[in-house]
Amino acid sequence: MKKDEMRPMSLVMEDLRQEGYGCDFHMKDNDFVCSDTGETFQPDDLVIVQTYRFEGESDPGDTAILFSLEAKSGTKGVCVDAYGTDASRRLGEFMKQVKIVERATE
């Protein structure tokens, strides 16, 4: 995991979109879904390519985490969650099961 101190999350997300990470992943009921296609995934269908942690400028307790993910199907996208005590427990449990293969994005 790396802390992207110098760049806002919106710019990091835009860079990732330009690199082909176009899907917005999220939890829907008990499924991990790509909002663009409706495709659902299990943890073993995905790998975490990179993680980024962000802190709010005025409130260090205002933190978020951004994951760039790739699926075996070729789908690439991002998932955002709060970091720390405000994080989604269900999403956190899901992400703990996803293999991490962190590598530099293009």
PDB file of N, CA and C in Angstrom:
ATOM      1  N   MET A   1       0.827  -1.163   0.000  1.00  0.00           N
ATOM      2  CA  MET A   1       0.000   0.000   0.000  1.00  0.00           C
ATOM      3  C   MET A   1       0.877   1.232   0.000  1.00  0.00           C
ATOM      4  N   LYS A   2       0.477   2.227  -0.729  1.00  0.00           N
ATOM      5  CA  LYS A   2       1.252   3.453  -0.693  1.00  0.00           C
ATOM      6  C   LYS A   2       0.326   4.631  -0.449  1.00  0.00           C
ATOM      7  N   LYS A   3       0.825   5.605   0.211  1.00  0.00           N
ATOM      8  CA  LYS A   3       0.080   6.821   0.504  1.00  0.00           C
ATOM      9  C   LYS A   3       0.403   7.826  -0.588  1.00  0.00           C
ATOM     10  N   ASP A   4      -0.618   8.255  -1.309  1.00  0.00           N
ATOM     11  CA  ASP A   4      -0.425   9.203  -2.401  1.00  0.00           C
ATOM     12  C   ASP A   4      -0.645  10.607  -1.854  1.00  0.00           C
ATOM     13  N   GLU A   5       0.386  11.128  -1.183  1.00  0.00           N
ATOM     14  CA  GLU A   5       0.272  12.387  -0.457  1.00  0.00           C
ATOM     15  C   GLU A   5       0.122  13.591  -1.367  1.00  0.00           C
ATOM     16  N   MET A   6       0.695  13.560  -2.526  1.00  0.00           N
ATOM     17  CA  MET A   6       0.787  14.750  -3.345  1.00  0.00           C
ATOM     18  C   MET A   6      -0.390  14.924  -4.309  1.00  0.00           C
ATOM     19  N   ARG A   7      -1.156  13.887  -4.544  1.00  0.00           N
ATOM     20  CA  ARG A   7      -2.192  13.968  -5.570  1.00  0.00           C
ATOM     21  C   ARG A   7      -3.558  13.636  -5.000  1.00  0.00           C
ATOM     22  N   PRO A   8      -4.572  14.371  -5.389  1.00  0.00           N
ATOM     23  CA  PRO A   8      -5.922  14.044  -4.940  1.00  0.00           C
ATOM     24  C   PRO A   8      -6.391  12.723  -5.562  1.00  0.00           C
ATOM     25  N   MET A   9      -7.300  12.064  -4.862  1.00  0.00           N
ATOM     26  CA  MET A   9      -7.820  10.789  -5.348  1.00  0.00           C
ATOM     27  C   MET A   9      -8.418  10.930  -6.741  1.00  0.00           C
ATOM     28  N   SER A  10      -9.079  12.031  -7.020  1.00  0.00           N
ATOM     29  CA  SER A  10      -9.710  12.197  -8.332  1.00  0.00           C
ATOM     30  C   SER A  10      -8.682  12.126  -9.464  1.00  0.00           C
ATOM     31  N   LEU A  11      -7.488  12.679  -9.267  1.00  0.00           N
ATOM     32  CA  LEU A  11      -6.453  12.623 -10.302  1.00  0.00           C
ATOM     33  C   LEU A  11      -5.872  11.220 -10.448  1.00  0.00           C
ATOM     34  N   VAL A  12      -5.684  10.529  -9.327  1.00  0.00           N
ATOM     35  CA  VAL A  12      -5.204   9.147  -9.389  1.00  0.00           C
ATOM     36  C   VAL A  12      -6.227   8.287 -10.124  1.00  0.00           C
ATOM     37  N   MET A  13      -7.508   8.480  -9.803  1.00  0.00           N
ATOM     38  CA  MET A  13      -8.553   7.705 -10.483  1.00  0.00           C
ATOM     39  C   MET A  13      -8.575   8.005 -11.978  1.00  0.00           C
ATOM     40  N   GLU A  14      -8.387   9.252 -12.352  1.00  0.00           N
ATOM     41  CA  GLU A  14      -8.366   9.607 -13.775  1.00  0.00           C
ATOM     42  C   GLU A  14      -7.184   8.933 -14.481  1.00  0.00           C
ATOM     43  N   ASP A  15      -6.017   8.929 -13.851  1.00  0.00           N
ATOM     44  CA  ASP A  15      -4.858   8.228 -14.425  1.00  0.00           C
ATOM     45  C   ASP A  15      -5.169   6.741 -14.614  1.00  0.00           C
ATOM     46  N   LEU A  16      -5.781   6.131 -13.615  1.00  0.00           N
ATOM     47  CA  LEU A  16      -6.119   4.707 -13.711  1.00  0.00           C
ATOM     48  C   LEU A  16      -7.124   4.460 -14.833  1.00  0.00           C
ATOM     49  N   ARG A  17      -8.103   5.335 -14.977  1.00  0.00           N
ATOM     50  CA  ARG A  17      -9.087   5.186 -16.064  1.00  0.00           C
ATOM     51  C   ARG A  17      -8.382   5.235 -17.425  1.00  0.00           C
ATOM     52  N   GLN A  18      -7.418   6.134 -17.564  1.00  0.00           N
ATOM     53  CA  GLN A  18      -6.678   6.223 -18.816  1.00  0.00           C
ATOM     54  C   GLN A  18      -5.842   4.974 -19.067  1.00  0.00           C
ATOM     55  N   GLU A  19      -5.508   4.246 -18.003  1.00  0.00           N
ATOM     56  CA  GLU A  19      -4.754   2.998 -18.134  1.00  0.00           C
ATOM     57  C   GLU A  19      -5.679   1.789 -18.294  1.00  0.00           C
ATOM     58  N   GLY A  20      -6.988   2.038 -18.444  1.00  0.00           N
ATOM     59  CA  GLY A  20      -7.923   0.956 -18.708  1.00  0.00           C
ATOM     60  C   GLY A  20      -8.694   0.451 -17.504  1.00  0.00           C
ATOM     61  N   TYR A  21      -8.541   1.083 -16.349  1.00  0.00           N
ATOM     62  CA  TYR A  21      -9.261   0.672 -15.146  1.00  0.00           C
ATOM     63  C   TYR A  21     -10.609   1.394 -15.125  1.00  0.00           C
ATOM     64  N   GLY A  22     -11.514   0.977 -15.998  1.00  0.00           N
ATOM     65  CA  GLY A  22     -12.757   1.702 -16.220  1.00  0.00           C
ATOM     66  C   GLY A  22     -13.938   1.269 -15.388  1.00  0.00           C
ATOM     67  N   CYS A  23     -13.891   0.109 -14.801  1.00  0.00           N
ATOM     68  CA  CYS A  23     -15.027  -0.400 -14.039  1.00  0.00           C
ATOM     69  C   CYS A  23     -15.027   0.189 -12.627  1.00  0.00           C
ATOM     70  N   ASP A  24     -16.213   0.501 -12.121  1.00  0.00           N
ATOM     71  CA  ASP A  24     -16.371   0.883 -10.725  1.00  0.00           C
ATOM     72  C   ASP A  24     -16.888  -0.340  -9.976  1.00  0.00           C
ATOM     73  N   PHE A  25     -16.023  -0.947  -9.160  1.00  0.00           N
ATOM     74  CA  PHE A  25     -16.412  -2.108  -8.371  1.00  0.00           C
ATOM     75  C   PHE A  25     -17.043  -1.655  -7.063  1.00  0.00           C
ATOM     76  N   HIS A  26     -18.034  -2.412  -6.579  1.00  0.00           N
ATOM     77  CA  HIS A  26     -18.646  -2.131  -5.289  1.00  0.00           C
ATOM     78  C   HIS A  26     -19.372  -3.379  -4.776  1.00  0.00           C
ATOM     79  N   MET A  27     -19.704  -3.362  -3.504  1.00  0.00           N
ATOM     80  CA  MET A  27     -20.491  -4.442  -2.926  1.00  0.00           C
ATOM     81  C   MET A  27     -21.965  -4.117  -3.162  1.00  0.00           C
ATOM     82  N   LYS A  28     -22.712  -5.109  -3.617  1.00  0.00           N
ATOM     83  CA  LYS A  28     -24.160  -4.994  -3.784  1.00  0.00           C
ATOM     84  C   LYS A  28     -24.760  -6.230  -3.152  1.00  0.00           C
ATOM     85  N   ASP A  29     -25.466  -6.028  -2.058  1.00  0.00           N
ATOM     86  CA  ASP A  29     -25.931  -7.130  -1.233  1.00  0.00           C
ATOM     87  C   ASP A  29     -24.704  -7.939  -0.811  1.00  0.00           C
ATOM     88  N   ASN A  30     -24.604  -9.190  -1.228  1.00  0.00           N
ATOM     89  CA  ASN A  30     -23.426  -9.996  -0.880  1.00  0.00           C
ATOM     90  C   ASN A  30     -22.508 -10.222  -2.061  1.00  0.00           C
ATOM     91  N   ASP A  31     -22.714  -9.478  -3.144  1.00  0.00           N
ATOM     92  CA  ASP A  31     -21.921  -9.659  -4.354  1.00  0.00           C
ATOM     93  C   ASP A  31     -20.974  -8.476  -4.561  1.00  0.00           C
ATOM     94  N   PHE A  32     -19.823  -8.759  -5.170  1.00  0.00           N
ATOM     95  CA  PHE A  32     -18.872  -7.734  -5.591  1.00  0.00           C
ATOM     96  C   PHE A  32     -19.125  -7.551  -7.077  1.00  0.00           C
ATOM     97  N   VAL A  33     -19.544  -6.353  -7.462  1.00  0.00           N
ATOM     98  CA  VAL A  33     -20.102  -6.110  -8.784  1.00  0.00           C
ATOM     99  C   VAL A  33     -19.359  -5.005  -9.519  1.00  0.00           C
ATOM    100  N   CYS A  34     -19.264  -5.150 -10.831  1.00  0.00           N
ATOM    101  CA  CYS A  34     -18.820  -4.062 -11.706  1.00  0.00           C
ATOM    102  C   CYS A  34     -20.071  -3.283 -12.084  1.00  0.00           C
ATOM    103  N   SER A  35     -20.130  -2.020 -11.691  1.00  0.00           N
ATOM    104  CA  SER A  35     -21.342  -1.227 -11.925  1.00  0.00           C
ATOM    105  C   SER A  35     -21.615  -1.020 -13.419  1.00  0.00           C
ATOM    106  N   ASP A  36     -20.584  -1.060 -14.246  1.00  0.00           N
ATOM    107  CA  ASP A  36     -20.764  -0.819 -15.677  1.00  0.00           C
ATOM    108  C   ASP A  36     -21.408  -2.002 -16.399  1.00  0.00           C
ATOM    109  N   THR A  37     -21.011  -3.214 -16.024  1.00  0.00           N
ATOM    110  CA  THR A  37     -21.474  -4.399 -16.747  1.00  0.00           C
ATOM    111  C   THR A  37     -22.425  -5.277 -15.947  1.00  0.00           C
ATOM    112  N   GLY A  38     -22.466  -5.107 -14.616  1.00  0.00           N
ATOM    113  CA  GLY A  38     -23.280  -5.977 -13.765  1.00  0.00           C
ATOM    114  C   GLY A  38     -22.616  -7.303 -13.469  1.00  0.00           C
ATOM    115  N   GLU A  39     -21.428  -7.514 -14.028  1.00  0.00           N
ATOM    116  CA  GLU A  39     -20.668  -8.746 -13.803  1.00  0.00           C
ATOM    117  C   GLU A  39     -20.335  -8.860 -12.306  1.00  0.00           C
ATOM    118  N   THR A  40     -20.494 -10.054 -11.752  1.00  0.00           N
ATOM    119  CA  THR A  40     -20.162 -10.280 -10.343  1.00  0.00           C
ATOM    120  C   THR A  40     -18.884 -11.101 -10.240  1.00  0.00           C
ATOM    121  N   PHE A  41     -18.177 -10.925  -9.125  1.00  0.00           N
ATOM    122  CA  PHE A  41     -16.874 -11.550  -8.940  1.00  0.00           C
ATOM    123  C   PHE A  41     -16.753 -12.160  -7.556  1.00  0.00           C
ATOM    124  N   GLN A  42     -15.978 -13.212  -7.476  1.00  0.00           N
ATOM    125  CA  GLN A  42     -15.551 -13.812  -6.224  1.00  0.00           C
ATOM    126  C   GLN A  42     -14.104 -13.372  -5.989  1.00  0.00           C
ATOM    127  N   PRO A  43     -13.627 -13.462  -4.743  1.00  0.00           N
ATOM    128  CA  PRO A  43     -12.250 -13.034  -4.473  1.00  0.00           C
ATOM    129  C   PRO A  43     -11.206 -13.709  -5.361  1.00  0.00           C
ATOM    130  N   ASP A  44     -11.410 -14.993  -5.679  1.00  0.00           N
ATOM    131  CA  ASP A  44     -10.406 -15.685  -6.491  1.00  0.00           C
ATOM    132  C   ASP A  44     -10.485 -15.323  -7.978  1.00  0.00           C
ATOM    133  N   ASP A  45     -11.462 -14.495  -8.356  1.00  0.00           N
ATOM    134  CA  ASP A  45     -11.559 -14.000  -9.730  1.00  0.00           C
ATOM    135  C   ASP A  45     -10.714 -12.753  -9.948  1.00  0.00           C
ATOM    136  N   LEU A  46     -10.174 -12.168  -8.866  1.00  0.00           N
ATOM    137  CA  LEU A  46      -9.550 -10.851  -8.903  1.00  0.00           C
ATOM    138  C   LEU A  46      -8.147 -10.847  -8.339  1.00  0.00           C
ATOM    139  N   VAL A  47      -7.384  -9.837  -8.722  1.00  0.00           N
ATOM    140  CA  VAL A  47      -6.110  -9.524  -8.066  1.00  0.00           C
ATOM    141  C   VAL A  47      -6.070  -8.027  -7.819  1.00  0.00           C
ATOM    142  N   ILE A  48      -5.453  -7.649  -6.708  1.00  0.00           N
ATOM    143  CA  ILE A  48      -5.222  -6.246  -6.407  1.00  0.00           C
ATOM    144  C   ILE A  48      -3.900  -5.855  -7.046  1.00  0.00           C
ATOM    145  N   VAL A  49      -3.942  -4.901  -7.956  1.00  0.00           N
ATOM    146  CA  VAL A  49      -2.748  -4.459  -8.664  1.00  0.00           C
ATOM    147  C   VAL A  49      -2.029  -3.370  -7.871  1.00  0.00           C
ATOM    148  N   GLN A  50      -2.802  -2.482  -7.280  1.00  0.00           N
ATOM    149  CA  GLN A  50      -2.206  -1.378  -6.536  1.00  0.00           C
ATOM    150  C   GLN A  50      -3.214  -0.859  -5.516  1.00  0.00           C
ATOM    151  N   THR A  51      -2.713  -0.368  -4.412  1.00  0.00           N
ATOM    152  CA  THR A  51      -3.558   0.286  -3.420  1.00  0.00           C
ATOM    153  C   THR A  51      -2.993   1.672  -3.138  1.00  0.00           C
ATOM    154  N   TYR A  52      -3.886   2.581  -2.840  1.00  0.00           N
ATOM    155  CA  TYR A  52      -3.514   3.956  -2.548  1.00  0.00           C
ATOM    156  C   TYR A  52      -4.294   4.386  -1.309  1.00  0.00           C
ATOM    157  N   ARG A  53      -3.657   5.055  -0.393  1.00  0.00           N
ATOM    158  CA  ARG A  53      -4.342   5.570   0.794  1.00  0.00           C
ATOM    159  C   ARG A  53      -4.269   7.089   0.785  1.00  0.00           C
ATOM    160  N   PHE A  54      -5.383   7.709   1.120  1.00  0.00           N
ATOM    161  CA  PHE A  54      -5.495   9.159   1.092  1.00  0.00           C
ATOM    162  C   PHE A  54      -5.970   9.666   2.445  1.00  0.00           C
ATOM    163  N   GLU A  55      -5.451  10.812   2.851  1.00  0.00           N
ATOM    164  CA  GLU A  55      -5.895  11.489   4.066  1.00  0.00           C
ATOM    165  C   GLU A  55      -6.436  12.854   3.677  1.00  0.00           C
ATOM    166  N   GLY A  56      -7.476  13.273   4.387  1.00  0.00           N
ATOM    167  CA  GLY A  56      -8.031  14.594   4.154  1.00  0.00           C
ATOM    168  C   GLY A  56      -7.039  15.665   4.577  1.00  0.00           C
ATOM    169  N   GLU A  57      -6.977  16.754   3.830  1.00  0.00           N
ATOM    170  CA  GLU A  57      -6.037  17.836   4.144  1.00  0.00           C
ATOM    171  C   GLU A  57      -6.338  18.484   5.485  1.00  0.00           C
ATOM    172  N   SER A  58      -7.614  18.685   5.791  1.00  0.00           N
ATOM    173  CA  SER A  58      -7.973  19.374   7.028  1.00  0.00           C
ATOM    174  C   SER A  58      -8.228  18.418   8.186  1.00  0.00           C
ATOM    175  N   ASP A  59      -8.469  17.138   7.889  1.00  0.00           N
ATOM    176  CA  ASP A  59      -8.767  16.167   8.942  1.00  0.00           C
ATOM    177  C   ASP A  59      -8.035  14.866   8.648  1.00  0.00           C
ATOM    178  N   PRO A  60      -6.937  14.595   9.351  1.00  0.00           N
ATOM    179  CA  PRO A  60      -6.195  13.357   9.115  1.00  0.00           C
ATOM    180  C   PRO A  60      -7.028  12.098   9.373  1.00  0.00           C
ATOM    181  N   GLY A  61      -8.116  12.251  10.107  1.00  0.00           N
ATOM    182  CA  GLY A  61      -9.008  11.115  10.339  1.00  0.00           C
ATOM    183  C   GLY A  61      -9.902  10.823   9.154  1.00  0.00           C
ATOM    184  N   ASP A  62      -9.947  11.731   8.187  1.00  0.00           N
ATOM    185  CA  ASP A  62     -10.736  11.570   6.967  1.00  0.00           C
ATOM    186  C   ASP A  62      -9.877  10.815   5.963  1.00  0.00           C
ATOM    187  N   THR A  63      -9.937   9.494   6.006  1.00  0.00           N
ATOM    188  CA  THR A  63      -9.064   8.682   5.159  1.00  0.00           C
ATOM    189  C   THR A  63      -9.873   7.790   4.229  1.00  0.00           C
ATOM    190  N   ALA A  64      -9.267   7.457   3.105  1.00  0.00           N
ATOM    191  CA  ALA A  64      -9.890   6.582   2.126  1.00  0.00           C
ATOM    192  C   ALA A  64      -8.817   5.677   1.533  1.00  0.00           C
ATOM    193  N   ILE A  65      -9.272   4.552   0.994  1.00  0.00           N
ATOM    194  CA  ILE A  65      -8.373   3.639   0.301  1.00  0.00           C
ATOM    195  C   ILE A  65      -8.956   3.369  -1.080  1.00  0.00           C
ATOM    196  N   LEU A  66      -8.089   3.326  -2.063  1.00  0.00           N
ATOM    197  CA  LEU A  66      -8.455   3.073  -3.451  1.00  0.00           C
ATOM    198  C   LEU A  66      -7.691   1.838  -3.903  1.00  0.00           C
ATOM    199  N   PHE A  67      -8.422   0.866  -4.443  1.00  0.00           N
ATOM    200  CA  PHE A  67      -7.816  -0.356  -4.983  1.00  0.00           C
ATOM    201  C   PHE A  67      -7.948  -0.337  -6.498  1.00  0.00           C
ATOM    202  N   SER A  68      -6.877  -0.660  -7.220  1.00  0.00           N
ATOM    203  CA  SER A  68      -7.009  -0.966  -8.645  1.00  0.00           C
ATOM    204  C   SER A  68      -6.967  -2.485  -8.745  1.00  0.00           C
ATOM    205  N   LEU A  69      -7.940  -3.021  -9.478  1.00  0.00           N
ATOM    206  CA  LEU A  69      -8.135  -4.473  -9.544  1.00  0.00           C
ATOM    207  C   LEU A  69      -8.224  -4.955 -10.979  1.00  0.00           C
ATOM    208  N   GLU A  70      -7.783  -6.198 -11.177  1.00  0.00           N
ATOM    209  CA  GLU A  70      -7.950  -6.855 -12.472  1.00  0.00           C
ATOM    210  C   GLU A  70      -8.606  -8.204 -12.240  1.00  0.00           C
ATOM    211  N   ALA A  71      -9.560  -8.529 -13.109  1.00  0.00           N
ATOM    212  CA  ALA A  71     -10.264  -9.806 -13.028  1.00  0.00           C
ATOM    213  C   ALA A  71      -9.697 -10.779 -14.055  1.00  0.00           C
ATOM    214  N   LYS A  72      -9.874 -12.063 -13.791  1.00  0.00           N
ATOM    215  CA  LYS A  72      -9.448 -13.091 -14.745  1.00  0.00           C
ATOM    216  C   LYS A  72     -10.124 -12.896 -16.095  1.00  0.00           C
ATOM    217  N   SER A  73     -11.327 -12.325 -16.084  1.00  0.00           N
ATOM    218  CA  SER A  73     -12.084 -12.098 -17.322  1.00  0.00           C
ATOM    219  C   SER A  73     -11.509 -10.964 -18.162  1.00  0.00           C
ATOM    220  N   GLY A  74     -10.570 -10.201 -17.580  1.00  0.00           N
ATOM    221  CA  GLY A  74      -9.986  -9.069 -18.277  1.00  0.00           C
ATOM    222  C   GLY A  74     -10.552  -7.738 -17.823  1.00  0.00           C
ATOM    223  N   THR A  75     -11.615  -7.766 -17.046  1.00  0.00           N
ATOM    224  CA  THR A  75     -12.196  -6.529 -16.518  1.00  0.00           C
ATOM    225  C   THR A  75     -11.213  -5.868 -15.568  1.00  0.00           C
ATOM    226  N   LYS A  76     -11.022  -4.571 -15.739  1.00  0.00           N
ATOM    227  CA  LYS A  76     -10.133  -3.798 -14.873  1.00  0.00           C
ATOM    228  C   LYS A  76     -10.910  -2.621 -14.308  1.00  0.00           C
ATOM    229  N   GLY A  77     -10.679  -2.351 -13.020  1.00  0.00           N
ATOM    230  CA  GLY A  77     -11.401  -1.240 -12.429  1.00  0.00           C
ATOM    231  C   GLY A  77     -10.869  -0.849 -11.075  1.00  0.00           C
ATOM    232  N   VAL A  78     -11.635   0.000 -10.413  1.00  0.00           N
ATOM    233  CA  VAL A  78     -11.245   0.535  -9.112  1.00  0.00           C
ATOM    234  C   VAL A  78     -12.360   0.323  -8.098  1.00  0.00           C
ATOM    235  N   CYS A  79     -11.957   0.311  -6.831  1.00  0.00           N
ATOM    236  CA  CYS A  79     -12.896   0.232  -5.724  1.00  0.00           C
ATOM    237  C   CYS A  79     -12.398   1.176  -4.637  1.00  0.00           C
ATOM    238  N   VAL A  80     -13.298   1.973  -4.087  1.00  0.00           N
ATOM    239  CA  VAL A  80     -12.956   2.949  -3.059  1.00  0.00           C
ATOM    240  C   VAL A  80     -13.714   2.610  -1.785  1.00  0.00           C
ATOM    241  N   ASP A  81     -13.038   2.768  -0.661  1.00  0.00           N
ATOM    242  CA  ASP A  81     -13.670   2.561   0.641  1.00  0.00           C
ATOM    243  C   ASP A  81     -13.073   3.551   1.629  1.00  0.00           C
ATOM    244  N   ALA A  82     -13.778   3.789   2.707  1.00  0.00           N
ATOM    245  CA  ALA A  82     -13.196   4.536   3.819  1.00  0.00           C
ATOM    246  C   ALA A  82     -12.079   3.665   4.387  1.00  0.00           C
ATOM    247  N   TYR A  83     -11.181   4.277   5.144  1.00  0.00           N
ATOM    248  CA  TYR A  83     -10.068   3.538   5.729  1.00  0.00           C
ATOM    249  C   TYR A  83     -10.162   3.668   7.238  1.00  0.00           C
ATOM    250  N   GLY A  84      -9.930   2.577   7.944  1.00  0.00           N
ATOM    251  CA  GLY A  84      -9.972   2.612   9.411  1.00  0.00           C
ATOM    252  C   GLY A  84     -11.341   2.245   9.932  1.00  0.00           C
ATOM    253  N   THR A  85     -11.760   2.912  11.000  1.00  0.00           N
ATOM    254  CA  THR A  85     -13.000   2.537  11.676  1.00  0.00           C
ATOM    255  C   THR A  85     -14.246   2.769  10.833  1.00  0.00           C
ATOM    256  N   ASP A  86     -14.182   3.643   9.845  1.00  0.00           N
ATOM    257  CA  ASP A  86     -15.339   3.909   8.997  1.00  0.00           C
ATOM    258  C   ASP A  86     -15.433   2.977   7.790  1.00  0.00           C
ATOM    259  N   ALA A  87     -14.487   2.080   7.625  1.00  0.00           N
ATOM    260  CA  ALA A  87     -14.459   1.184   6.468  1.00  0.00           C
ATOM    261  C   ALA A  87     -15.631   0.200   6.518  1.00  0.00           C
ATOM    262  N   SER A  88     -16.054  -0.217   5.344  1.00  0.00           N
ATOM    263  CA  SER A  88     -17.112  -1.218   5.220  1.00  0.00           C
ATOM    264  C   SER A  88     -16.567  -2.577   5.665  1.00  0.00           C
ATOM    265  N   ARG A  89     -17.181  -3.138   6.664  1.00  0.00           N
ATOM    266  CA  ARG A  89     -16.736  -4.444   7.166  1.00  0.00           C
ATOM    267  C   ARG A  89     -16.889  -5.527   6.100  1.00  0.00           C
ATOM    268  N   ARG A  90     -18.012  -5.502   5.398  1.00  0.00           N
ATOM    269  CA  ARG A  90     -18.263  -6.527   4.369  1.00  0.00           C
ATOM    270  C   ARG A  90     -17.253  -6.420   3.230  1.00  0.00           C
ATOM    271  N   LEU A  91     -16.997  -5.199   2.766  1.00  0.00           N
ATOM    272  CA  LEU A  91     -16.005  -5.008   1.705  1.00  0.00           C
ATOM    273  C   LEU A  91     -14.617  -5.390   2.207  1.00  0.00           C
ATOM    274  N   GLY A  92     -14.286  -5.014   3.427  1.00  0.00           N
ATOM    275  CA  GLY A  92     -12.987  -5.354   4.003  1.00  0.00           C
ATOM    276  C   GLY A  92     -12.751  -6.854   4.056  1.00  0.00           C
ATOM    277  N   GLU A  93     -13.768  -7.599   4.469  1.00  0.00           N
ATOM    278  CA  GLU A  93     -13.642  -9.067   4.520  1.00  0.00           C
ATOM    279  C   GLU A  93     -13.450  -9.640   3.122  1.00  0.00           C
ATOM    280  N   PHE A  94     -14.168  -9.095   2.153  1.00  0.00           N
ATOM    281  CA  PHE A  94     -14.016  -9.548   0.772  1.00  0.00           C
ATOM    282  C   PHE A  94     -12.599  -9.283   0.288  1.00  0.00           C
ATOM    283  N   MET A  95     -12.114  -8.043   0.481  1.00  0.00           N
ATOM    284  CA  MET A  95     -10.793  -7.659  -0.034  1.00  0.00           C
ATOM    285  C   MET A  95      -9.664  -8.432   0.636  1.00  0.00           C
ATOM    286  N   LYS A  96      -9.832  -8.856   1.872  1.00  0.00           N
ATOM    287  CA  LYS A  96      -8.808  -9.668   2.540  1.00  0.00           C
ATOM    288  C   LYS A  96      -8.582 -10.988   1.821  1.00  0.00           C
ATOM    289  N   GLN A  97      -9.579 -11.442   1.068  1.00  0.00           N
ATOM    290  CA  GLN A  97      -9.486 -12.714   0.356  1.00  0.00           C
ATOM    291  C   GLN A  97      -8.925 -12.580  -1.058  1.00  0.00           C
ATOM    292  N   VAL A  98      -8.769 -11.342  -1.523  1.00  0.00           N
ATOM    293  CA  VAL A  98      -8.276 -11.096  -2.885  1.00  0.00           C
ATOM    294  C   VAL A  98      -6.752 -11.108  -2.873  1.00  0.00           C
ATOM    295  N   LYS A  99      -6.181 -11.834  -3.815  1.00  0.00           N
ATOM    296  CA  LYS A  99      -4.727 -11.916  -3.923  1.00  0.00           C
ATOM    297  C   LYS A  99      -4.135 -10.553  -4.291  1.00  0.00           C
ATOM    298  N   ILE A 100      -3.038 -10.214  -3.644  1.00  0.00           N
ATOM    299  CA  ILE A 100      -2.329  -8.959  -3.921  1.00  0.00           C
ATOM    300  C   ILE A 100      -1.126  -9.259  -4.801  1.00  0.00           C
ATOM    301  N   VAL A 101      -1.055  -8.611  -5.944  1.00  0.00           N
ATOM    302  CA  VAL A 101       0.088  -8.781  -6.855  1.00  0.00           C
ATOM    303  C   VAL A 101       0.645  -7.405  -7.212  1.00  0.00           C
ATOM    304  N   GLU A 102       0.638  -6.511  -6.240  1.00  0.00           N
ATOM    305  CA  GLU A 102       0.969  -5.115  -6.515  1.00  0.00           C
ATOM    306  C   GLU A 102       2.136  -4.975  -7.468  1.00  0.00           C
ATOM    307  N   ARG A 103       1.892  -4.165  -8.481  1.00  0.00           N
ATOM    308  CA  ARG A 103       2.924  -3.843  -9.464  1.00  0.00           C
ATOM    309  C   ARG A 103       2.657  -2.427  -9.920  1.00  0.00           C
ATOM    310  N   ALA A 104       3.646  -1.833 -10.463  1.00  0.00           N
ATOM    311  CA  ALA A 104       3.508  -0.464 -10.933  1.00  0.00           C
ATOM    312  C   ALA A 104       2.520  -0.424 -12.074  1.00  0.00           C
ATOM    313  N   THR A 105       1.611   0.548 -12.035  1.00  0.00           N
ATOM    314  CA  THR A 105       0.725   0.745 -13.168  1.00  0.00           C
ATOM    315  C   THR A 105       1.475   1.569 -14.198  1.00  0.00           C
ATOM    316  N   GLU A 106       1.007   1.530 -15.434  1.00  0.00           N
ATOM    317  CA  GLU A 106       1.701   2.223 -16.526  1.00  0.00           C
ATOM    318  C   GLU A 106       1.729   3.709 -16.342  1.00  0.00           C
TER     319      GLU A 106
END
